[in-house]
Amino acid sequence: MDTCRPDRSLIARAILDHLSKNPDAQDTLEGIARGWMPELKGDQHRVLVKEVLSDLVTQGLIEKIQDDDRKTLYRVRAARKGIAGQRS
């Protein structure tokens, strides 16, 4: 069975939409891949979500931090939280 690989821009949009609606949200790669986009399944999709998260960090749209347990989390950049919910 051939499964369609989701478009990177759709994954990025889903992540940014989730963070726009939930500006205090933060999660691990695994949590984002499973909880924020449950329709994506399998290791290939997890790798794709990881690549998209890396792109969003590079673009300065989100930040990657470590919590007290040294888990890597992704969230809205602190400087963007004030504007995350604002729309023109």
PDB file of N, CA and C in Angstrom:
ATOM      1  N   MET A   1       0.844  -1.190   0.000  1.00  0.00           N
ATOM      2  CA  MET A   1       0.000   0.000   0.000  1.00  0.00           C
ATOM      3  C   MET A   1       0.879   1.240   0.000  1.00  0.00           C
ATOM      4  N   ASP A   2       0.646   2.115  -0.914  1.00  0.00           N
ATOM      5  CA  ASP A   2       1.437   3.333  -1.061  1.00  0.00           C
ATOM      6  C   ASP A   2       0.745   4.466  -0.316  1.00  0.00           C
ATOM      7  N   THR A   3       1.467   5.058   0.651  1.00  0.00           N
ATOM      8  CA  THR A   3       0.885   6.183   1.390  1.00  0.00           C
ATOM      9  C   THR A   3       1.492   7.479   0.890  1.00  0.00           C
ATOM     10  N   CYS A   4       0.662   8.486   0.851  1.00  0.00           N
ATOM     11  CA  CYS A   4       1.077   9.804   0.384  1.00  0.00           C
ATOM     12  C   CYS A   4       1.872  10.514   1.473  1.00  0.00           C
ATOM     13  N   ARG A   5       2.992  11.080   1.113  1.00  0.00           N
ATOM     14  CA  ARG A   5       3.787  11.843   2.075  1.00  0.00           C
ATOM     15  C   ARG A   5       3.165  13.234   2.208  1.00  0.00           C
ATOM     16  N   PRO A   6       2.850  13.646   3.437  1.00  0.00           N
ATOM     17  CA  PRO A   6       2.224  14.963   3.607  1.00  0.00           C
ATOM     18  C   PRO A   6       3.171  16.093   3.206  1.00  0.00           C
ATOM     19  N   ASP A   7       2.598  17.161   2.767  1.00  0.00           N
ATOM     20  CA  ASP A   7       3.339  18.339   2.345  1.00  0.00           C
ATOM     21  C   ASP A   7       3.939  19.022   3.572  1.00  0.00           C
ATOM     22  N   ARG A   8       5.219  19.388   3.479  1.00  0.00           N
ATOM     23  CA  ARG A   8       5.907  20.069   4.595  1.00  0.00           C
ATOM     24  C   ARG A   8       5.190  21.356   4.988  1.00  0.00           C
ATOM     25  N   SER A   9       4.688  22.092   4.004  1.00  0.00           N
ATOM     26  CA  SER A   9       4.021  23.360   4.324  1.00  0.00           C
ATOM     27  C   SER A   9       2.726  23.126   5.100  1.00  0.00           C
ATOM     28  N   LEU A  10       2.034  22.010   4.843  1.00  0.00           N
ATOM     29  CA  LEU A  10       0.819  21.705   5.601  1.00  0.00           C
ATOM     30  C   LEU A  10       1.156  21.367   7.049  1.00  0.00           C
ATOM     31  N   ILE A  11       2.251  20.648   7.253  1.00  0.00           N
ATOM     32  CA  ILE A  11       2.681  20.327   8.616  1.00  0.00           C
ATOM     33  C   ILE A  11       3.090  21.599   9.343  1.00  0.00           C
ATOM     34  N   ALA A  12       3.854  22.453   8.682  1.00  0.00           N
ATOM     35  CA  ALA A  12       4.276  23.718   9.293  1.00  0.00           C
ATOM     36  C   ALA A  12       3.061  24.558   9.659  1.00  0.00           C
ATOM     37  N   ARG A  13       2.098  24.626   8.763  1.00  0.00           N
ATOM     38  CA  ARG A  13       0.886  25.409   9.014  1.00  0.00           C
ATOM     39  C   ARG A  13       0.121  24.833  10.207  1.00  0.00           C
ATOM     40  N   ALA A  14       0.033  23.507  10.308  1.00  0.00           N
ATOM     41  CA  ALA A  14      -0.670  22.871  11.424  1.00  0.00           C
ATOM     42  C   ALA A  14       0.013  23.197  12.751  1.00  0.00           C
ATOM     43  N   ILE A  15       1.333  23.159  12.766  1.00  0.00           N
ATOM     44  CA  ILE A  15       2.078  23.482  13.987  1.00  0.00           C
ATOM     45  C   ILE A  15       1.863  24.940  14.377  1.00  0.00           C
ATOM     46  N   LEU A  16       2.011  25.839  13.407  1.00  0.00           N
ATOM     47  CA  LEU A  16       1.858  27.266  13.694  1.00  0.00           C
ATOM     48  C   LEU A  16       0.420  27.618  14.069  1.00  0.00           C
ATOM     49  N   ASP A  17      -0.555  26.968  13.440  1.00  0.00           N
ATOM     50  CA  ASP A  17      -1.956  27.198  13.806  1.00  0.00           C
ATOM     51  C   ASP A  17      -2.213  26.757  15.245  1.00  0.00           C
ATOM     52  N   HIS A  18      -1.677  25.599  15.605  1.00  0.00           N
ATOM     53  CA  HIS A  18      -1.854  25.098  16.974  1.00  0.00           C
ATOM     54  C   HIS A  18      -1.248  26.086  17.975  1.00  0.00           C
ATOM     55  N   LEU A  19      -0.059  26.575  17.686  1.00  0.00           N
ATOM     56  CA  LEU A  19       0.607  27.512  18.597  1.00  0.00           C
ATOM     57  C   LEU A  19      -0.088  28.874  18.622  1.00  0.00           C
ATOM     58  N   SER A  20      -0.686  29.258  17.511  1.00  0.00           N
ATOM     59  CA  SER A  20      -1.422  30.515  17.474  1.00  0.00           C
ATOM     60  C   SER A  20      -2.661  30.439  18.367  1.00  0.00           C
ATOM     61  N   LYS A  21      -3.314  29.281  18.355  1.00  0.00           N
ATOM     62  CA  LYS A  21      -4.512  29.091  19.179  1.00  0.00           C
ATOM     63  C   LYS A  21      -4.169  28.786  20.638  1.00  0.00           C
ATOM     64  N   ASN A  22      -2.956  28.281  20.866  1.00  0.00           N
ATOM     65  CA  ASN A  22      -2.514  27.875  22.202  1.00  0.00           C
ATOM     66  C   ASN A  22      -1.118  28.429  22.453  1.00  0.00           C
ATOM     67  N   PRO A  23      -0.980  29.744  22.642  1.00  0.00           N
ATOM     68  CA  PRO A  23       0.347  30.362  22.709  1.00  0.00           C
ATOM     69  C   PRO A  23       1.233  29.877  23.856  1.00  0.00           C
ATOM     70  N   ASP A  24       0.650  29.246  24.862  1.00  0.00           N
ATOM     71  CA  ASP A  24       1.458  28.717  25.959  1.00  0.00           C
ATOM     72  C   ASP A  24       1.814  27.246  25.765  1.00  0.00           C
ATOM     73  N   ALA A  25       1.383  26.669  24.653  1.00  0.00           N
ATOM     74  CA  ALA A  25       1.656  25.255  24.388  1.00  0.00           C
ATOM     75  C   ALA A  25       3.139  25.034  24.129  1.00  0.00           C
ATOM     76  N   GLN A  26       3.606  23.897  24.598  1.00  0.00           N
ATOM     77  CA  GLN A  26       4.958  23.452  24.286  1.00  0.00           C
ATOM     78  C   GLN A  26       4.951  21.931  24.394  1.00  0.00           C
ATOM     79  N   ASP A  27       5.743  21.280  23.559  1.00  0.00           N
ATOM     80  CA  ASP A  27       5.737  19.828  23.568  1.00  0.00           C
ATOM     81  C   ASP A  27       7.005  19.297  22.933  1.00  0.00           C
ATOM     82  N   THR A  28       7.230  18.005  23.156  1.00  0.00           N
ATOM     83  CA  THR A  28       8.358  17.314  22.544  1.00  0.00           C
ATOM     84  C   THR A  28       8.018  16.982  21.097  1.00  0.00           C
ATOM     85  N   LEU A  29       9.022  16.576  20.350  1.00  0.00           N
ATOM     86  CA  LEU A  29       8.797  16.121  18.972  1.00  0.00           C
ATOM     87  C   LEU A  29       7.735  15.029  18.959  1.00  0.00           C
ATOM     88  N   GLU A  30       7.889  14.055  19.833  1.00  0.00           N
ATOM     89  CA  GLU A  30       6.948  12.937  19.886  1.00  0.00           C
ATOM     90  C   GLU A  30       5.537  13.421  20.209  1.00  0.00           C
ATOM     91  N   GLY A  31       5.416  14.332  21.166  1.00  0.00           N
ATOM     92  CA  GLY A  31       4.112  14.866  21.542  1.00  0.00           C
ATOM     93  C   GLY A  31       3.460  15.634  20.410  1.00  0.00           C
ATOM     94  N   ILE A  32       4.252  16.398  19.684  1.00  0.00           N
ATOM     95  CA  ILE A  32       3.722  17.156  18.549  1.00  0.00           C
ATOM     96  C   ILE A  32       3.277  16.206  17.445  1.00  0.00           C
ATOM     97  N   ALA A  33       4.133  15.244  17.114  1.00  0.00           N
ATOM     98  CA  ALA A  33       3.818  14.306  16.030  1.00  0.00           C
ATOM     99  C   ALA A  33       2.581  13.468  16.350  1.00  0.00           C
ATOM    100  N   ARG A  34       2.440  13.043  17.600  1.00  0.00           N
ATOM    101  CA  ARG A  34       1.309  12.177  17.974  1.00  0.00           C
ATOM    102  C   ARG A  34       0.080  12.943  18.429  1.00  0.00           C
ATOM    103  N   GLY A  35       0.289  14.007  19.185  1.00  0.00           N
ATOM    104  CA  GLY A  35      -0.843  14.714  19.781  1.00  0.00           C
ATOM    105  C   GLY A  35      -1.413  15.837  18.941  1.00  0.00           C
ATOM    106  N   TRP A  36      -0.547  16.565  18.259  1.00  0.00           N
ATOM    107  CA  TRP A  36      -1.015  17.715  17.490  1.00  0.00           C
ATOM    108  C   TRP A  36      -1.426  17.301  16.087  1.00  0.00           C
ATOM    109  N   MET A  37      -0.871  16.202  15.608  1.00  0.00           N
ATOM    110  CA  MET A  37      -1.172  15.720  14.259  1.00  0.00           C
ATOM    111  C   MET A  37      -1.366  14.210  14.276  1.00  0.00           C
ATOM    112  N   PRO A  38      -2.410  13.748  14.968  1.00  0.00           N
ATOM    113  CA  PRO A  38      -2.600  12.300  15.109  1.00  0.00           C
ATOM    114  C   PRO A  38      -2.850  11.579  13.789  1.00  0.00           C
ATOM    115  N   GLU A  39      -3.224  12.329  12.761  1.00  0.00           N
ATOM    116  CA  GLU A  39      -3.467  11.695  11.461  1.00  0.00           C
ATOM    117  C   GLU A  39      -2.173  11.229  10.798  1.00  0.00           C
ATOM    118  N   LEU A  40      -1.029  11.747  11.252  1.00  0.00           N
ATOM    119  CA  LEU A  40       0.266  11.318  10.722  1.00  0.00           C
ATOM    120  C   LEU A  40       0.750  10.125  11.522  1.00  0.00           C
ATOM    121  N   LYS A  41       1.092   9.077  10.837  1.00  0.00           N
ATOM    122  CA  LYS A  41       1.526   7.869  11.527  1.00  0.00           C
ATOM    123  C   LYS A  41       2.835   7.368  10.937  1.00  0.00           C
ATOM    124  N   GLY A  42       3.624   6.725  11.766  1.00  0.00           N
ATOM    125  CA  GLY A  42       4.835   6.075  11.300  1.00  0.00           C
ATOM    126  C   GLY A  42       6.088   6.918  11.477  1.00  0.00           C
ATOM    127  N   ASP A  43       7.222   6.236  11.405  1.00  0.00           N
ATOM    128  CA  ASP A  43       8.516   6.891  11.598  1.00  0.00           C
ATOM    129  C   ASP A  43       8.837   7.900  10.502  1.00  0.00           C
ATOM    130  N   GLN A  44       8.415   7.639   9.271  1.00  0.00           N
ATOM    131  CA  GLN A  44       8.675   8.592   8.187  1.00  0.00           C
ATOM    132  C   GLN A  44       8.048   9.939   8.500  1.00  0.00           C
ATOM    133  N   HIS A  45       6.834   9.924   9.005  1.00  0.00           N
ATOM    134  CA  HIS A  45       6.149  11.176   9.318  1.00  0.00           C
ATOM    135  C   HIS A  45       6.786  11.865  10.511  1.00  0.00           C
ATOM    136  N   ARG A  46       7.269  11.083  11.474  1.00  0.00           N
ATOM    137  CA  ARG A  46       7.963  11.656  12.630  1.00  0.00           C
ATOM    138  C   ARG A  46       9.220  12.389  12.168  1.00  0.00           C
ATOM    139  N   VAL A  47       9.944  11.781  11.234  1.00  0.00           N
ATOM    140  CA  VAL A  47      11.148  12.410  10.687  1.00  0.00           C
ATOM    141  C   VAL A  47      10.773  13.700   9.956  1.00  0.00           C
ATOM    142  N   LEU A  48       9.687  13.673   9.219  1.00  0.00           N
ATOM    143  CA  LEU A  48       9.233  14.864   8.489  1.00  0.00           C
ATOM    144  C   LEU A  48       8.845  15.973   9.463  1.00  0.00           C
ATOM    145  N   VAL A  49       8.147  15.640  10.539  1.00  0.00           N
ATOM    146  CA  VAL A  49       7.783  16.643  11.551  1.00  0.00           C
ATOM    147  C   VAL A  49       9.046  17.222  12.172  1.00  0.00           C
ATOM    148  N   LYS A  50      10.037  16.378  12.438  1.00  0.00           N
ATOM    149  CA  LYS A  50      11.312  16.850  12.992  1.00  0.00           C
ATOM    150  C   LYS A  50      11.981  17.841  12.049  1.00  0.00           C
ATOM    151  N   GLU A  51      11.977  17.540  10.748  1.00  0.00           N
ATOM    152  CA  GLU A  51      12.571  18.450   9.761  1.00  0.00           C
ATOM    153  C   GLU A  51      11.828  19.780   9.727  1.00  0.00           C
ATOM    154  N   VAL A  52      10.507  19.718   9.776  1.00  0.00           N
ATOM    155  CA  VAL A  52       9.698  20.947   9.751  1.00  0.00           C
ATOM    156  C   VAL A  52       9.953  21.772  11.012  1.00  0.00           C
ATOM    157  N   LEU A  53      10.014  21.126  12.168  1.00  0.00           N
ATOM    158  CA  LEU A  53      10.312  21.844  13.411  1.00  0.00           C
ATOM    159  C   LEU A  53      11.675  22.526  13.319  1.00  0.00           C
ATOM    160  N   SER A  54      12.651  21.834  12.768  1.00  0.00           N
ATOM    161  CA  SER A  54      13.983  22.423  12.598  1.00  0.00           C
ATOM    162  C   SER A  54      13.924  23.650  11.695  1.00  0.00           C
ATOM    163  N   ASP A  55      13.166  23.557  10.608  1.00  0.00           N
ATOM    164  CA  ASP A  55      13.002  24.705   9.703  1.00  0.00           C
ATOM    165  C   ASP A  55      12.359  25.885  10.426  1.00  0.00           C
ATOM    166  N   LEU A  56      11.322  25.617  11.233  1.00  0.00           N
ATOM    167  CA  LEU A  56      10.626  26.689  11.948  1.00  0.00           C
ATOM    168  C   LEU A  56      11.534  27.342  12.988  1.00  0.00           C
ATOM    169  N   VAL A  57      12.397  26.547  13.615  1.00  0.00           N
ATOM    170  CA  VAL A  57      13.368  27.101  14.566  1.00  0.00           C
ATOM    171  C   VAL A  57      14.354  27.986  13.817  1.00  0.00           C
ATOM    172  N   THR A  58      14.868  27.512  12.692  1.00  0.00           N
ATOM    173  CA  THR A  58      15.820  28.276  11.882  1.00  0.00           C
ATOM    174  C   THR A  58      15.210  29.595  11.418  1.00  0.00           C
ATOM    175  N   GLN A  59      13.931  29.578  11.082  1.00  0.00           N
ATOM    176  CA  GLN A  59      13.237  30.792  10.628  1.00  0.00           C
ATOM    177  C   GLN A  59      12.885  31.720  11.786  1.00  0.00           C
ATOM    178  N   GLY A  60      13.094  31.278  13.013  1.00  0.00           N
ATOM    179  CA  GLY A  60      12.803  32.110  14.169  1.00  0.00           C
ATOM    180  C   GLY A  60      11.335  32.166  14.545  1.00  0.00           C
ATOM    181  N   LEU A  61      10.530  31.245  14.020  1.00  0.00           N
ATOM    182  CA  LEU A  61       9.102  31.247  14.312  1.00  0.00           C
ATOM    183  C   LEU A  61       8.775  30.514  15.605  1.00  0.00           C
ATOM    184  N   ILE A  62       9.586  29.525  15.953  1.00  0.00           N
ATOM    185  CA  ILE A  62       9.431  28.817  17.219  1.00  0.00           C
ATOM    186  C   ILE A  62      10.814  28.669  17.832  1.00  0.00           C
ATOM    187  N   GLU A  63      10.841  28.231  19.096  1.00  0.00           N
ATOM    188  CA  GLU A  63      12.123  27.994  19.735  1.00  0.00           C
ATOM    189  C   GLU A  63      12.189  26.586  20.291  1.00  0.00           C
ATOM    190  N   LYS A  64      13.395  26.114  20.411  1.00  0.00           N
ATOM    191  CA  LYS A  64      13.680  24.782  20.937  1.00  0.00           C
ATOM    192  C   LYS A  64      14.373  24.992  22.279  1.00  0.00           C
ATOM    193  N   ILE A  65      13.821  24.410  23.326  1.00  0.00           N
ATOM    194  CA  ILE A  65      14.366  24.582  24.673  1.00  0.00           C
ATOM    195  C   ILE A  65      14.519  23.207  25.334  1.00  0.00           C
ATOM    196  N   GLN A  66      15.208  23.186  26.456  1.00  0.00           N
ATOM    197  CA  GLN A  66      15.270  21.969  27.262  1.00  0.00           C
ATOM    198  C   GLN A  66      14.602  22.244  28.597  1.00  0.00           C
ATOM    199  N   ASP A  67      13.752  21.306  29.037  1.00  0.00           N
ATOM    200  CA  ASP A  67      13.110  21.474  30.334  1.00  0.00           C
ATOM    201  C   ASP A  67      14.036  20.964  31.434  1.00  0.00           C
ATOM    202  N   ASP A  68      13.558  20.967  32.655  1.00  0.00           N
ATOM    203  CA  ASP A  68      14.374  20.549  33.793  1.00  0.00           C
ATOM    204  C   ASP A  68      14.821  19.086  33.700  1.00  0.00           C
ATOM    205  N   ASP A  69      14.059  18.272  32.979  1.00  0.00           N
ATOM    206  CA  ASP A  69      14.403  16.861  32.796  1.00  0.00           C
ATOM    207  C   ASP A  69      15.270  16.636  31.564  1.00  0.00           C
ATOM    208  N   ARG A  70      15.733  17.734  30.954  1.00  0.00           N
ATOM    209  CA  ARG A  70      16.590  17.713  29.762  1.00  0.00           C
ATOM    210  C   ARG A  70      15.874  17.168  28.523  1.00  0.00           C
ATOM    211  N   LYS A  71      14.533  17.255  28.525  1.00  0.00           N
ATOM    212  CA  LYS A  71      13.761  16.910  27.334  1.00  0.00           C
ATOM    213  C   LYS A  71      13.719  18.135  26.432  1.00  0.00           C
ATOM    214  N   THR A  72      13.822  17.912  25.141  1.00  0.00           N
ATOM    215  CA  THR A  72      13.734  19.004  24.175  1.00  0.00           C
ATOM    216  C   THR A  72      12.266  19.297  23.896  1.00  0.00           C
ATOM    217  N   LEU A  73      11.910  20.585  24.059  1.00  0.00           N
ATOM    218  CA  LEU A  73      10.548  21.053  23.818  1.00  0.00           C
ATOM    219  C   LEU A  73      10.561  22.127  22.743  1.00  0.00           C
ATOM    220  N   TYR A  74       9.449  22.233  22.057  1.00  0.00           N
ATOM    221  CA  TYR A  74       9.261  23.273  21.040  1.00  0.00           C
ATOM    222  C   TYR A  74       8.088  24.133  21.469  1.00  0.00           C
ATOM    223  N   ARG A  75       8.203  25.451  21.259  1.00  0.00           N
ATOM    224  CA  ARG A  75       7.153  26.388  21.657  1.00  0.00           C
ATOM    225  C   ARG A  75       7.299  27.680  20.858  1.00  0.00           C
ATOM    226  N   VAL A  76       6.295  28.554  21.018  1.00  0.00           N
ATOM    227  CA  VAL A  76       6.366  29.883  20.409  1.00  0.00           C
ATOM    228  C   VAL A  76       7.543  30.619  21.042  1.00  0.00           C
ATOM    229  N   ARG A  77       8.310  31.325  20.232  1.00  0.00           N
ATOM    230  CA  ARG A  77       9.399  32.138  20.785  1.00  0.00           C
ATOM    231  C   ARG A  77       8.813  33.132  21.762  1.00  0.00           C
ATOM    232  N   ALA A  78       9.475  33.305  22.886  1.00  0.00           N
ATOM    233  CA  ALA A  78       8.989  34.203  23.931  1.00  0.00           C
ATOM    234  C   ALA A  78       8.684  35.595  23.382  1.00  0.00           C
ATOM    235  N   ALA A  79       9.489  36.100  22.480  1.00  0.00           N
ATOM    236  CA  ALA A  79       9.288  37.438  21.915  1.00  0.00           C
ATOM    237  C   ALA A  79       8.046  37.503  21.034  1.00  0.00           C
ATOM    238  N   ARG A  80       7.578  36.358  20.527  1.00  0.00           N
ATOM    239  CA  ARG A  80       6.420  36.334  19.634  1.00  0.00           C
ATOM    240  C   ARG A  80       5.109  36.084  20.376  1.00  0.00           C
ATOM    241  N   LYS A  81       5.169  35.689  21.640  1.00  0.00           N
ATOM    242  CA  LYS A  81       3.945  35.340  22.371  1.00  0.00           C
ATOM    243  C   LYS A  81       2.945  36.476  22.400  1.00  0.00           C
ATOM    244  N   GLY A  82       3.431  37.678  22.516  1.00  0.00           N
ATOM    245  CA  GLY A  82       2.534  38.834  22.578  1.00  0.00           C
ATOM    246  C   GLY A  82       1.794  39.075  21.279  1.00  0.00           C
ATOM    247  N   ILE A  83       2.351  38.613  20.161  1.00  0.00           N
ATOM    248  CA  ILE A  83       1.700  38.858  18.874  1.00  0.00           C
ATOM    249  C   ILE A  83       1.082  37.598  18.288  1.00  0.00           C
ATOM    250  N   ALA A  84       1.247  36.453  18.958  1.00  0.00           N
ATOM    251  CA  ALA A  84       0.755  35.184  18.412  1.00  0.00           C
ATOM    252  C   ALA A  84      -0.747  35.199  18.175  1.00  0.00           C
ATOM    253  N   GLY A  85      -1.509  35.800  19.061  1.00  0.00           N
ATOM    254  CA  GLY A  85      -2.950  35.803  18.915  1.00  0.00           C
ATOM    255  C   GLY A  85      -3.503  36.984  18.147  1.00  0.00           C
ATOM    256  N   GLN A  86      -2.649  37.941  17.785  1.00  0.00           N
ATOM    257  CA  GLN A  86      -3.107  39.137  17.076  1.00  0.00           C
ATOM    258  C   GLN A  86      -3.178  38.887  15.586  1.00  0.00           C
ATOM    259  N   ARG A  87      -4.257  39.286  14.988  1.00  0.00           N
ATOM    260  CA  ARG A  87      -4.437  39.190  13.534  1.00  0.00           C
ATOM    261  C   ARG A  87      -4.893  40.536  13.010  1.00  0.00           C
ATOM    262  N   SER A  88      -4.422  40.899  11.855  1.00  0.00           N
ATOM    263  CA  SER A  88      -4.839  42.185  11.267  1.00  0.00           C
ATOM    264  C   SER A  88      -6.072  42.036  10.455  1.00  0.00           C
TER     265      SER A  88
END
